[in-house]
Structure formats: structure tokens, C-alpha cells
């Protein structure tokens, strides 16, 4: 798979359509939509949660090598991975904004 698109909620009630390159994990905002632009209704929270879990799992997988026995993780790396694992308990879950996602060290 080369890329996929997610819908990410914004604080103003609209949503960014974010294209994610699976090789580089580069994110590009490709559009902004409102509920009115979903003729069949906005994605359910379950669909958004599933997509966010997949995205989160990809981010964890790209850092799995940090946990190899010959690598010593920094506190920032441990905190980042813990924050990714804790995302489903975030108060905004599953409608996370960009600022809700942890920043990779």
C-alpha cells in the first residue's frame, strides 16, 4: 500500500482529510470537510477509532526496533511509545486533533 487517507477532527468542528504516505509516514492535508459534505453521514466513532488504532499501530511498529535488546531507549522514546499506547484512553478519543497525537522524538 502506498498511501491512505484519514479524517482528523479539528477544534472548529470541521475535519481535515489527511493523506499518509506509508513509506515515509509523511502527512499531507488534502482537504477540509464539514458534516454537510458527508451525504451518507459522517464516519461513526467506531470507524474513526479503527482507523486511529491502525495509524497508531503503524507508528508503534516503526519504533519497535527501539526495544531491541542491543538498543537503549531514551526516556523520550519510552514516553512516546507509552503515549501512543495510551491514545485510546485520551479524553478526545476517537476524534483526535493533531495536537492530541504525541510527537516522535
PDB file of N, CA and C in Angstrom:
ATOM      1  N   UNK A   1       0.854  -1.177   0.000  1.00  0.00           N
ATOM      2  CA  UNK A   1       0.000   0.000   0.000  1.00  0.00           C
ATOM      3  C   UNK A   1       0.891   1.229   0.000  1.00  0.00           C
ATOM      4  N   UNK A   2       0.609   2.212  -0.853  1.00  0.00           N
ATOM      5  CA  UNK A   2       1.431   3.401  -0.949  1.00  0.00           C
ATOM      6  C   UNK A   2       1.000   4.541  -0.046  1.00  0.00           C
ATOM      7  N   UNK A   3      -0.299   4.682   0.140  1.00  0.00           N
ATOM      8  CA  UNK A   3      -0.804   5.776   0.967  1.00  0.00           C
ATOM      9  C   UNK A   3      -2.243   5.474   1.368  1.00  0.00           C
ATOM     10  N   UNK A   4      -2.678   6.132   2.432  1.00  0.00           N
ATOM     11  CA  UNK A   4      -4.076   6.053   2.825  1.00  0.00           C
ATOM     12  C   UNK A   4      -4.493   7.403   3.366  1.00  0.00           C
ATOM     13  N   UNK A   5      -5.798   7.619   3.456  1.00  0.00           N
ATOM     14  CA  UNK A   5      -6.328   8.894   3.897  1.00  0.00           C
ATOM     15  C   UNK A   5      -7.151   8.686   5.153  1.00  0.00           C
ATOM     16  N   UNK A   6      -6.943   9.578   6.118  1.00  0.00           N
ATOM     17  CA  UNK A   6      -7.733   9.551   7.338  1.00  0.00           C
ATOM     18  C   UNK A   6      -8.476  10.874   7.479  1.00  0.00           C
ATOM     19  N   UNK A   7      -9.520  10.870   8.268  1.00  0.00           N
ATOM     20  CA  UNK A   7     -10.254  12.081   8.611  1.00  0.00           C
ATOM     21  C   UNK A   7      -9.878  12.430  10.041  1.00  0.00           C
ATOM     22  N   UNK A   8      -9.406  13.647  10.248  1.00  0.00           N
ATOM     23  CA  UNK A   8      -8.967  14.066  11.583  1.00  0.00           C
ATOM     24  C   UNK A   8      -9.787  15.282  12.002  1.00  0.00           C
ATOM     25  N   UNK A   9     -10.453  15.169  13.159  1.00  0.00           N
ATOM     26  CA  UNK A   9     -11.284  16.263  13.662  1.00  0.00           C
ATOM     27  C   UNK A   9     -10.421  17.459  14.056  1.00  0.00           C
ATOM     28  N   UNK A  10     -10.973  18.645  13.815  1.00  0.00           N
ATOM     29  CA  UNK A  10     -10.309  19.890  14.222  1.00  0.00           C
ATOM     30  C   UNK A  10     -11.156  20.558  15.294  1.00  0.00           C
ATOM     31  N   UNK A  11     -10.548  21.481  16.018  1.00  0.00           N
ATOM     32  CA  UNK A  11     -11.238  22.161  17.111  1.00  0.00           C
ATOM     33  C   UNK A  11     -12.446  22.974  16.655  1.00  0.00           C
ATOM     34  N   UNK A  12     -12.454  23.402  15.382  1.00  0.00           N
ATOM     35  CA  UNK A  12     -13.554  24.243  14.902  1.00  0.00           C
ATOM     36  C   UNK A  12     -14.760  23.441  14.398  1.00  0.00           C
ATOM     37  N   UNK A  13     -14.738  22.117  14.580  1.00  0.00           N
ATOM     38  CA  UNK A  13     -15.860  21.286  14.168  1.00  0.00           C
ATOM     39  C   UNK A  13     -15.770  20.766  12.746  1.00  0.00           C
ATOM     40  N   UNK A  14     -14.751  21.153  12.008  1.00  0.00           N
ATOM     41  CA  UNK A  14     -14.542  20.616  10.668  1.00  0.00           C
ATOM     42  C   UNK A  14     -13.518  19.488  10.759  1.00  0.00           C
ATOM     43  N   UNK A  15     -13.230  18.905   9.607  1.00  0.00           N
ATOM     44  CA  UNK A  15     -12.329  17.764   9.577  1.00  0.00           C
ATOM     45  C   UNK A  15     -11.318  17.946   8.465  1.00  0.00           C
ATOM     46  N   UNK A  16     -10.061  17.618   8.758  1.00  0.00           N
ATOM     47  CA  UNK A  16      -9.038  17.579   7.718  1.00  0.00           C
ATOM     48  C   UNK A  16      -9.018  16.180   7.123  1.00  0.00           C
ATOM     49  N   UNK A  17      -8.881  16.106   5.807  1.00  0.00           N
ATOM     50  CA  UNK A  17      -8.587  14.843   5.148  1.00  0.00           C
ATOM     51  C   UNK A  17      -7.076  14.791   5.024  1.00  0.00           C
ATOM     52  N   UNK A  18      -6.459  13.808   5.664  1.00  0.00           N
ATOM     53  CA  UNK A  18      -5.003  13.729   5.743  1.00  0.00           C
ATOM     54  C   UNK A  18      -4.540  12.486   4.993  1.00  0.00           C
ATOM     55  N   UNK A  19      -3.703  12.703   3.979  1.00  0.00           N
ATOM     56  CA  UNK A  19      -3.109  11.596   3.228  1.00  0.00           C
ATOM     57  C   UNK A  19      -1.790  11.238   3.893  1.00  0.00           C
ATOM     58  N   UNK A  20      -1.583   9.941   4.149  1.00  0.00           N
ATOM     59  CA  UNK A  20      -0.374   9.476   4.827  1.00  0.00           C
ATOM     60  C   UNK A  20       0.365   8.516   3.906  1.00  0.00           C
ATOM     61  N   UNK A  21       1.604   8.859   3.594  1.00  0.00           N
ATOM     62  CA  UNK A  21       2.463   8.006   2.787  1.00  0.00           C
ATOM     63  C   UNK A  21       2.980   6.890   3.693  1.00  0.00           C
ATOM     64  N   UNK A  22       2.710   5.627   3.330  1.00  0.00           N
ATOM     65  CA  UNK A  22       3.068   4.515   4.200  1.00  0.00           C
ATOM     66  C   UNK A  22       4.562   4.236   4.233  1.00  0.00           C
ATOM     67  N   UNK A  23       5.301   4.727   3.262  1.00  0.00           N
ATOM     68  CA  UNK A  23       6.749   4.501   3.266  1.00  0.00           C
ATOM     69  C   UNK A  23       7.484   5.540   4.104  1.00  0.00           C
ATOM     70  N   UNK A  24       7.059   6.792   4.021  1.00  0.00           N
ATOM     71  CA  UNK A  24       7.759   7.872   4.718  1.00  0.00           C
ATOM     72  C   UNK A  24       6.996   8.370   5.949  1.00  0.00           C
ATOM     73  N   UNK A  25       5.726   7.959   6.097  1.00  0.00           N
ATOM     74  CA  UNK A  25       4.828   8.446   7.146  1.00  0.00           C
ATOM     75  C   UNK A  25       4.588   9.948   7.036  1.00  0.00           C
ATOM     76  N   UNK A  26       4.884  10.513   5.869  1.00  0.00           N
ATOM     77  CA  UNK A  26       4.637  11.939   5.649  1.00  0.00           C
ATOM     78  C   UNK A  26       3.134  12.171   5.532  1.00  0.00           C
ATOM     79  N   UNK A  27       2.677  13.190   6.233  1.00  0.00           N
ATOM     80  CA  UNK A  27       1.256  13.545   6.223  1.00  0.00           C
ATOM     81  C   UNK A  27       1.050  14.796   5.390  1.00  0.00           C
ATOM     82  N   UNK A  28       0.014  14.752   4.547  1.00  0.00           N
ATOM     83  CA  UNK A  28      -0.336  15.897   3.727  1.00  0.00           C
ATOM     84  C   UNK A  28      -1.833  16.140   3.871  1.00  0.00           C
ATOM     85  N   UNK A  29      -2.209  17.349   4.243  1.00  0.00           N
ATOM     86  CA  UNK A  29      -3.629  17.683   4.311  1.00  0.00           C
ATOM     87  C   UNK A  29      -4.110  17.909   2.883  1.00  0.00           C
ATOM     88  N   UNK A  30      -5.074  17.085   2.467  1.00  0.00           N
ATOM     89  CA  UNK A  30      -5.552  17.153   1.089  1.00  0.00           C
ATOM     90  C   UNK A  30      -6.927  17.803   0.974  1.00  0.00           C
ATOM     91  N   UNK A  31      -7.527  18.142   2.097  1.00  0.00           N
ATOM     92  CA  UNK A  31      -8.820  18.802   2.052  1.00  0.00           C
ATOM     93  C   UNK A  31      -9.370  19.033   3.440  1.00  0.00           C
ATOM     94  N   UNK A  32     -10.444  19.787   3.499  1.00  0.00           N
ATOM     95  CA  UNK A  32     -11.132  20.084   4.737  1.00  0.00           C
ATOM     96  C   UNK A  32     -12.611  19.890   4.467  1.00  0.00           C
ATOM     97  N   UNK A  33     -13.291  19.164   5.330  1.00  0.00           N
ATOM     98  CA  UNK A  33     -14.704  18.878   5.111  1.00  0.00           C
ATOM     99  C   UNK A  33     -15.507  19.186   6.367  1.00  0.00           C
ATOM    100  N   UNK A  34     -16.798  19.378   6.160  1.00  0.00           N
ATOM    101  CA  UNK A  34     -17.734  19.545   7.273  1.00  0.00           C
ATOM    102  C   UNK A  34     -18.730  18.404   7.207  1.00  0.00           C
ATOM    103  N   UNK A  35     -19.519  18.229   8.248  1.00  0.00           N
ATOM    104  CA  UNK A  35     -20.513  17.158   8.256  1.00  0.00           C
ATOM    105  C   UNK A  35     -21.438  17.231   7.042  1.00  0.00           C
ATOM    106  N   UNK A  36     -21.751  18.446   6.589  1.00  0.00           N
ATOM    107  CA  UNK A  36     -22.662  18.614   5.457  1.00  0.00           C
ATOM    108  C   UNK A  36     -22.106  17.984   4.184  1.00  0.00           C
ATOM    109  N   UNK A  37     -20.792  17.796   4.130  1.00  0.00           N
ATOM    110  CA  UNK A  37     -20.183  17.211   2.943  1.00  0.00           C
ATOM    111  C   UNK A  37     -20.175  15.686   2.977  1.00  0.00           C
ATOM    112  N   UNK A  38     -20.754  15.099   4.001  1.00  0.00           N
ATOM    113  CA  UNK A  38     -20.895  13.646   4.079  1.00  0.00           C
ATOM    114  C   UNK A  38     -22.349  13.297   3.766  1.00  0.00           C
ATOM    115  N   UNK A  39     -22.715  13.066   2.509  1.00  0.00           N
ATOM    116  CA  UNK A  39     -24.116  12.824   2.168  1.00  0.00           C
ATOM    117  C   UNK A  39     -24.695  11.600   2.870  1.00  0.00           C
ATOM    118  N   UNK A  40     -23.871  10.650   3.217  1.00  0.00           N
ATOM    119  CA  UNK A  40     -24.357   9.455   3.907  1.00  0.00           C
ATOM    120  C   UNK A  40     -24.041   9.494   5.398  1.00  0.00           C
ATOM    121  N   UNK A  41     -23.698  10.676   5.881  1.00  0.00           N
ATOM    122  CA  UNK A  41     -23.363  10.834   7.281  1.00  0.00           C
ATOM    123  C   UNK A  41     -21.875  10.703   7.516  1.00  0.00           C
ATOM    124  N   UNK A  42     -21.416  11.307   8.587  1.00  0.00           N
ATOM    125  CA  UNK A  42     -20.013  11.238   8.953  1.00  0.00           C
ATOM    126  C   UNK A  42     -19.683   9.826   9.418  1.00  0.00           C
ATOM    127  N   UNK A  43     -18.417   9.461   9.307  1.00  0.00           N
ATOM    128  CA  UNK A  43     -17.987   8.155   9.800  1.00  0.00           C
ATOM    129  C   UNK A  43     -18.386   8.001  11.256  1.00  0.00           C
ATOM    130  N   UNK A  44     -18.731   6.789  11.619  1.00  0.00           N
ATOM    131  CA  UNK A  44     -19.081   6.539  13.019  1.00  0.00           C
ATOM    132  C   UNK A  44     -17.824   6.625  13.875  1.00  0.00           C
ATOM    133  N   UNK A  45     -18.021   6.827  15.180  1.00  0.00           N
ATOM    134  CA  UNK A  45     -16.885   6.850  16.095  1.00  0.00           C
ATOM    135  C   UNK A  45     -16.124   5.532  16.042  1.00  0.00           C
ATOM    136  N   UNK A  46     -16.833   4.424  15.809  1.00  0.00           N
ATOM    137  CA  UNK A  46     -16.176   3.123  15.715  1.00  0.00           C
ATOM    138  C   UNK A  46     -15.247   3.069  14.507  1.00  0.00           C
ATOM    139  N   UNK A  47     -15.692   3.626  13.374  1.00  0.00           N
ATOM    140  CA  UNK A  47     -14.851   3.645  12.172  1.00  0.00           C
ATOM    141  C   UNK A  47     -13.631   4.545  12.375  1.00  0.00           C
ATOM    142  N   UNK A  48     -13.847   5.699  13.000  1.00  0.00           N
ATOM    143  CA  UNK A  48     -12.742   6.611  13.272  1.00  0.00           C
ATOM    144  C   UNK A  48     -11.760   5.956  14.245  1.00  0.00           C
ATOM    145  N   UNK A  49     -12.280   5.288  15.267  1.00  0.00           N
ATOM    146  CA  UNK A  49     -11.424   4.615  16.249  1.00  0.00           C
ATOM    147  C   UNK A  49     -10.598   3.518  15.583  1.00  0.00           C
ATOM    148  N   UNK A  50     -11.215   2.755  14.697  1.00  0.00           N
ATOM    149  CA  UNK A  50     -10.489   1.687  13.996  1.00  0.00           C
ATOM    150  C   UNK A  50      -9.352   2.272  13.156  1.00  0.00           C
ATOM    151  N   UNK A  51      -9.633   3.351  12.456  1.00  0.00           N
ATOM    152  CA  UNK A  51      -8.613   3.993  11.628  1.00  0.00           C
ATOM    153  C   UNK A  51      -7.486   4.570  12.492  1.00  0.00           C
ATOM    154  N   UNK A  52      -7.859   5.210  13.604  1.00  0.00           N
ATOM    155  CA  UNK A  52      -6.838   5.763  14.502  1.00  0.00           C
ATOM    156  C   UNK A  52      -5.985   4.663  15.124  1.00  0.00           C
ATOM    157  N   UNK A  53      -6.608   3.541  15.487  1.00  0.00           N
ATOM    158  CA  UNK A  53      -5.828   2.428  16.041  1.00  0.00           C
ATOM    159  C   UNK A  53      -4.828   1.907  15.010  1.00  0.00           C
ATOM    160  N   UNK A  54      -5.264   1.790  13.770  1.00  0.00           N
ATOM    161  CA  UNK A  54      -4.372   1.330  12.708  1.00  0.00           C
ATOM    162  C   UNK A  54      -3.204   2.299  12.528  1.00  0.00           C
ATOM    163  N   UNK A  55      -3.494   3.576  12.514  1.00  0.00           N
ATOM    164  CA  UNK A  55      -2.467   4.608  12.375  1.00  0.00           C
ATOM    165  C   UNK A  55      -1.505   4.557  13.568  1.00  0.00           C
ATOM    166  N   UNK A  56      -2.070   4.440  14.769  1.00  0.00           N
ATOM    167  CA  UNK A  56      -1.258   4.345  15.976  1.00  0.00           C
ATOM    168  C   UNK A  56      -0.377   3.099  15.938  1.00  0.00           C
ATOM    169  N   UNK A  57      -0.941   1.966  15.518  1.00  0.00           N
ATOM    170  CA  UNK A  57      -0.177   0.718  15.450  1.00  0.00           C
ATOM    171  C   UNK A  57       0.975   0.831  14.457  1.00  0.00           C
ATOM    172  N   UNK A  58       0.748   1.530  13.340  1.00  0.00           N
ATOM    173  CA  UNK A  58       1.834   1.762  12.374  1.00  0.00           C
ATOM    174  C   UNK A  58       2.960   2.567  13.011  1.00  0.00           C
ATOM    175  N   UNK A  59       2.595   3.593  13.774  1.00  0.00           N
ATOM    176  CA  UNK A  59       3.605   4.428  14.432  1.00  0.00           C
ATOM    177  C   UNK A  59       4.368   3.625  15.492  1.00  0.00           C
ATOM    178  N   UNK A  60       3.681   2.736  16.207  1.00  0.00           N
ATOM    179  CA  UNK A  60       4.369   1.874  17.162  1.00  0.00           C
ATOM    180  C   UNK A  60       5.305   0.904  16.443  1.00  0.00           C
ATOM    181  N   UNK A  61       4.829   0.324  15.354  1.00  0.00           N
ATOM    182  CA  UNK A  61       5.636  -0.651  14.608  1.00  0.00           C
ATOM    183  C   UNK A  61       6.918  -0.027  14.068  1.00  0.00           C
ATOM    184  N   UNK A  62       6.839   1.232  13.654  1.00  0.00           N
ATOM    185  CA  UNK A  62       8.044   1.868  13.120  1.00  0.00           C
ATOM    186  C   UNK A  62       9.082   2.135  14.202  1.00  0.00           C
ATOM    187  N   UNK A  63       8.680   2.067  15.463  1.00  0.00           N
ATOM    188  CA  UNK A  63       9.633   2.283  16.555  1.00  0.00           C
ATOM    189  C   UNK A  63       9.920   1.007  17.335  1.00  0.00           C
ATOM    190  N   UNK A  64       9.414  -0.121  16.881  1.00  0.00           N
ATOM    191  CA  UNK A  64       9.658  -1.381  17.590  1.00  0.00           C
ATOM    192  C   UNK A  64      11.148  -1.676  17.742  1.00  0.00           C
ATOM    193  N   UNK A  65      11.939  -1.265  16.764  1.00  0.00           N
ATOM    194  CA  UNK A  65      13.378  -1.551  16.830  1.00  0.00           C
ATOM    195  C   UNK A  65      14.039  -0.874  18.029  1.00  0.00           C
ATOM    196  N   UNK A  66      13.399   0.174  18.556  1.00  0.00           N
ATOM    197  CA  UNK A  66      13.932   0.839  19.741  1.00  0.00           C
ATOM    198  C   UNK A  66      13.983  -0.121  20.934  1.00  0.00           C
ATOM    199  N   UNK A  67      13.125  -1.152  20.916  1.00  0.00           N
ATOM    200  CA  UNK A  67      13.034  -2.088  22.043  1.00  0.00           C
ATOM    201  C   UNK A  67      13.948  -3.301  21.869  1.00  0.00           C
ATOM    202  N   UNK A  68      14.777  -3.327  20.841  1.00  0.00           N
ATOM    203  CA  UNK A  68      15.719  -4.434  20.671  1.00  0.00           C
ATOM    204  C   UNK A  68      16.674  -4.493  21.856  1.00  0.00           C
ATOM    205  N   UNK A  69      17.141  -5.681  22.140  1.00  0.00           N
ATOM    206  CA  UNK A  69      17.996  -5.870  23.316  1.00  0.00           C
ATOM    207  C   UNK A  69      19.323  -5.123  23.210  1.00  0.00           C
ATOM    208  N   UNK A  70      19.747  -4.797  21.993  1.00  0.00           N
ATOM    209  CA  UNK A  70      21.019  -4.085  21.841  1.00  0.00           C
ATOM    210  C   UNK A  70      20.839  -2.576  21.700  1.00  0.00           C
ATOM    211  N   UNK A  71      19.646  -2.090  21.982  1.00  0.00           N
ATOM    212  CA  UNK A  71      19.344  -0.662  21.902  1.00  0.00           C
ATOM    213  C   UNK A  71      18.844  -0.198  23.269  1.00  0.00           C
ATOM    214  N   UNK A  72      19.335   0.929  23.725  1.00  0.00           N
ATOM    215  CA  UNK A  72      18.843   1.511  24.977  1.00  0.00           C
ATOM    216  C   UNK A  72      17.925   2.682  24.628  1.00  0.00           C
ATOM    217  N   UNK A  73      16.655   2.524  24.981  1.00  0.00           N
ATOM    218  CA  UNK A  73      15.688   3.585  24.696  1.00  0.00           C
ATOM    219  C   UNK A  73      15.914   4.772  25.622  1.00  0.00           C
ATOM    220  N   UNK A  74      15.769   5.961  25.063  1.00  0.00           N
ATOM    221  CA  UNK A  74      15.810   7.167  25.877  1.00  0.00           C
ATOM    222  C   UNK A  74      14.470   7.307  26.595  1.00  0.00           C
ATOM    223  N   UNK A  75      14.428   8.168  27.582  1.00  0.00           N
ATOM    224  CA  UNK A  75      13.162   8.426  28.277  1.00  0.00           C
ATOM    225  C   UNK A  75      12.140   9.009  27.302  1.00  0.00           C
ATOM    226  N   UNK A  76      12.580   9.865  26.379  1.00  0.00           N
ATOM    227  CA  UNK A  76      11.669  10.453  25.388  1.00  0.00           C
ATOM    228  C   UNK A  76      11.070   9.371  24.493  1.00  0.00           C
ATOM    229  N   UNK A  77      11.880   8.395  24.106  1.00  0.00           N
ATOM    230  CA  UNK A  77      11.376   7.302  23.271  1.00  0.00           C
ATOM    231  C   UNK A  77      10.371   6.449  24.040  1.00  0.00           C
ATOM    232  N   UNK A  78      10.676   6.138  25.306  1.00  0.00           N
ATOM    233  CA  UNK A  78       9.740   5.359  26.132  1.00  0.00           C
ATOM    234  C   UNK A  78       8.429   6.118  26.313  1.00  0.00           C
ATOM    235  N   UNK A  79       8.535   7.421  26.565  1.00  0.00           N
ATOM    236  CA  UNK A  79       7.332   8.246  26.762  1.00  0.00           C
ATOM    237  C   UNK A  79       6.487   8.313  25.503  1.00  0.00           C
ATOM    238  N   UNK A  80       7.142   8.442  24.361  1.00  0.00           N
ATOM    239  CA  UNK A  80       6.431   8.495  23.078  1.00  0.00           C
ATOM    240  C   UNK A  80       5.644   7.202  22.852  1.00  0.00           C
ATOM    241  N   UNK A  81       6.301   6.066  23.032  1.00  0.00           N
ATOM    242  CA  UNK A  81       5.620   4.786  22.826  1.00  0.00           C
ATOM    243  C   UNK A  81       4.477   4.596  23.824  1.00  0.00           C
ATOM    244  N   UNK A  82       4.700   5.009  25.061  1.00  0.00           N
ATOM    245  CA  UNK A  82       3.639   4.908  26.071  1.00  0.00           C
ATOM    246  C   UNK A  82       2.454   5.798  25.698  1.00  0.00           C
ATOM    247  N   UNK A  83       2.741   7.003  25.228  1.00  0.00           N
ATOM    248  CA  UNK A  83       1.664   7.921  24.823  1.00  0.00           C
ATOM    249  C   UNK A  83       0.864   7.345  23.651  1.00  0.00           C
ATOM    250  N   UNK A  84       1.547   6.693  22.713  1.00  0.00           N
ATOM    251  CA  UNK A  84       0.838   6.051  21.596  1.00  0.00           C
ATOM    252  C   UNK A  84      -0.078   4.938  22.126  1.00  0.00           C
ATOM    253  N   UNK A  85       0.449   4.116  23.010  1.00  0.00           N
ATOM    254  CA  UNK A  85      -0.361   3.013  23.553  1.00  0.00           C
ATOM    255  C   UNK A  85      -1.556   3.535  24.348  1.00  0.00           C
ATOM    256  N   UNK A  86      -1.404   4.718  24.989  1.00  0.00           N
ATOM    257  CA  UNK A  86      -2.468   5.282  25.829  1.00  0.00           C
ATOM    258  C   UNK A  86      -3.511   6.095  25.052  1.00  0.00           C
ATOM    259  N   UNK A  87      -3.316   6.280  23.757  1.00  0.00           N
ATOM    260  CA  UNK A  87      -4.240   7.126  22.995  1.00  0.00           C
ATOM    261  C   UNK A  87      -5.715   6.733  23.132  1.00  0.00           C
ATOM    262  N   UNK A  88      -6.071   5.435  23.133  1.00  0.00           N
ATOM    263  CA  UNK A  88      -7.499   5.104  23.268  1.00  0.00           C
ATOM    264  C   UNK A  88      -8.140   5.569  24.571  1.00  0.00           C
ATOM    265  N   UNK A  89      -7.337   5.942  25.568  1.00  0.00           N
ATOM    266  CA  UNK A  89      -7.910   6.463  26.814  1.00  0.00           C
ATOM    267  C   UNK A  89      -7.897   7.994  26.843  1.00  0.00           C
ATOM    268  N   UNK A  90      -7.467   8.624  25.744  1.00  0.00           N
ATOM    269  CA  UNK A  90      -7.436  10.091  25.651  1.00  0.00           C
ATOM    270  C   UNK A  90      -8.856  10.638  25.713  1.00  0.00           C
ATOM    271  N   UNK A  91      -9.027  11.782  26.334  1.00  0.00           N
ATOM    272  CA  UNK A  91     -10.371  12.358  26.509  1.00  0.00           C
ATOM    273  C   UNK A  91     -11.054  12.682  25.180  1.00  0.00           C
ATOM    274  N   UNK A  92     -10.311  12.905  24.114  1.00  0.00           N
ATOM    275  CA  UNK A  92     -10.914  13.214  22.804  1.00  0.00           C
ATOM    276  C   UNK A  92     -11.090  11.983  21.918  1.00  0.00           C
ATOM    277  N   UNK A  93     -10.697  10.809  22.396  1.00  0.00           N
ATOM    278  CA  UNK A  93     -10.781   9.594  21.584  1.00  0.00           C
ATOM    279  C   UNK A  93     -12.206   9.340  21.169  1.00  0.00           C
ATOM    280  N   UNK A  94     -12.484   8.993  19.926  1.00  0.00           N
ATOM    281  CA  UNK A  94     -11.556   8.752  18.833  1.00  0.00           C
ATOM    282  C   UNK A  94     -11.325   9.974  17.943  1.00  0.00           C
ATOM    283  N   UNK A  95     -11.974  11.083  18.258  1.00  0.00           N
ATOM    284  CA  UNK A  95     -11.897  12.277  17.400  1.00  0.00           C
ATOM    285  C   UNK A  95     -10.718  13.154  17.812  1.00  0.00           C
ATOM    286  N   UNK A  96      -9.534  12.662  17.511  1.00  0.00           N
ATOM    287  CA  UNK A  96      -8.312  13.334  17.929  1.00  0.00           C
ATOM    288  C   UNK A  96      -7.940  14.460  16.979  1.00  0.00           C
ATOM    289  N   UNK A  97      -7.413  15.536  17.534  1.00  0.00           N
ATOM    290  CA  UNK A  97      -6.859  16.604  16.702  1.00  0.00           C
ATOM    291  C   UNK A  97      -5.352  16.367  16.593  1.00  0.00           C
ATOM    292  N   UNK A  98      -4.680  17.099  15.738  1.00  0.00           N
ATOM    293  CA  UNK A  98      -3.239  16.934  15.552  1.00  0.00           C
ATOM    294  C   UNK A  98      -2.483  17.067  16.878  1.00  0.00           C
ATOM    295  N   UNK A  99      -2.920  17.986  17.713  1.00  0.00           N
ATOM    296  CA  UNK A  99      -2.202  18.223  18.970  1.00  0.00           C
ATOM    297  C   UNK A  99      -2.399  17.090  19.977  1.00  0.00           C
ATOM    298  N   UNK A 100      -3.375  16.211  19.743  1.00  0.00           N
ATOM    299  CA  UNK A 100      -3.596  15.076  20.643  1.00  0.00           C
ATOM    300  C   UNK A 100      -2.603  13.936  20.403  1.00  0.00           C
ATOM    301  N   UNK A 101      -1.994  13.912  19.224  1.00  0.00           N
ATOM    302  CA  UNK A 101      -1.032  12.863  18.893  1.00  0.00           C
ATOM    303  C   UNK A 101       0.330  13.207  19.475  1.00  0.00           C
ATOM    304  N   UNK A 102       1.021  12.232  20.047  1.00  0.00           N
ATOM    305  CA  UNK A 102       2.351  12.520  20.594  1.00  0.00           C
ATOM    306  C   UNK A 102       3.345  12.809  19.463  1.00  0.00           C
ATOM    307  N   UNK A 103       4.368  13.593  19.786  1.00  0.00           N
ATOM    308  CA  UNK A 103       5.403  13.948  18.824  1.00  0.00           C
ATOM    309  C   UNK A 103       6.568  12.984  18.953  1.00  0.00           C
ATOM    310  N   UNK A 104       6.965  12.429  17.825  1.00  0.00           N
ATOM    311  CA  UNK A 104       8.080  11.476  17.835  1.00  0.00           C
ATOM    312  C   UNK A 104       9.383  12.202  18.158  1.00  0.00           C
ATOM    313  N   UNK A 105      10.147  11.660  19.125  1.00  0.00           N
ATOM    314  CA  UNK A 105      11.408  12.310  19.484  1.00  0.00           C
ATOM    315  C   UNK A 105      12.467  12.161  18.384  1.00  0.00           C
TER     316      UNK A 105
END
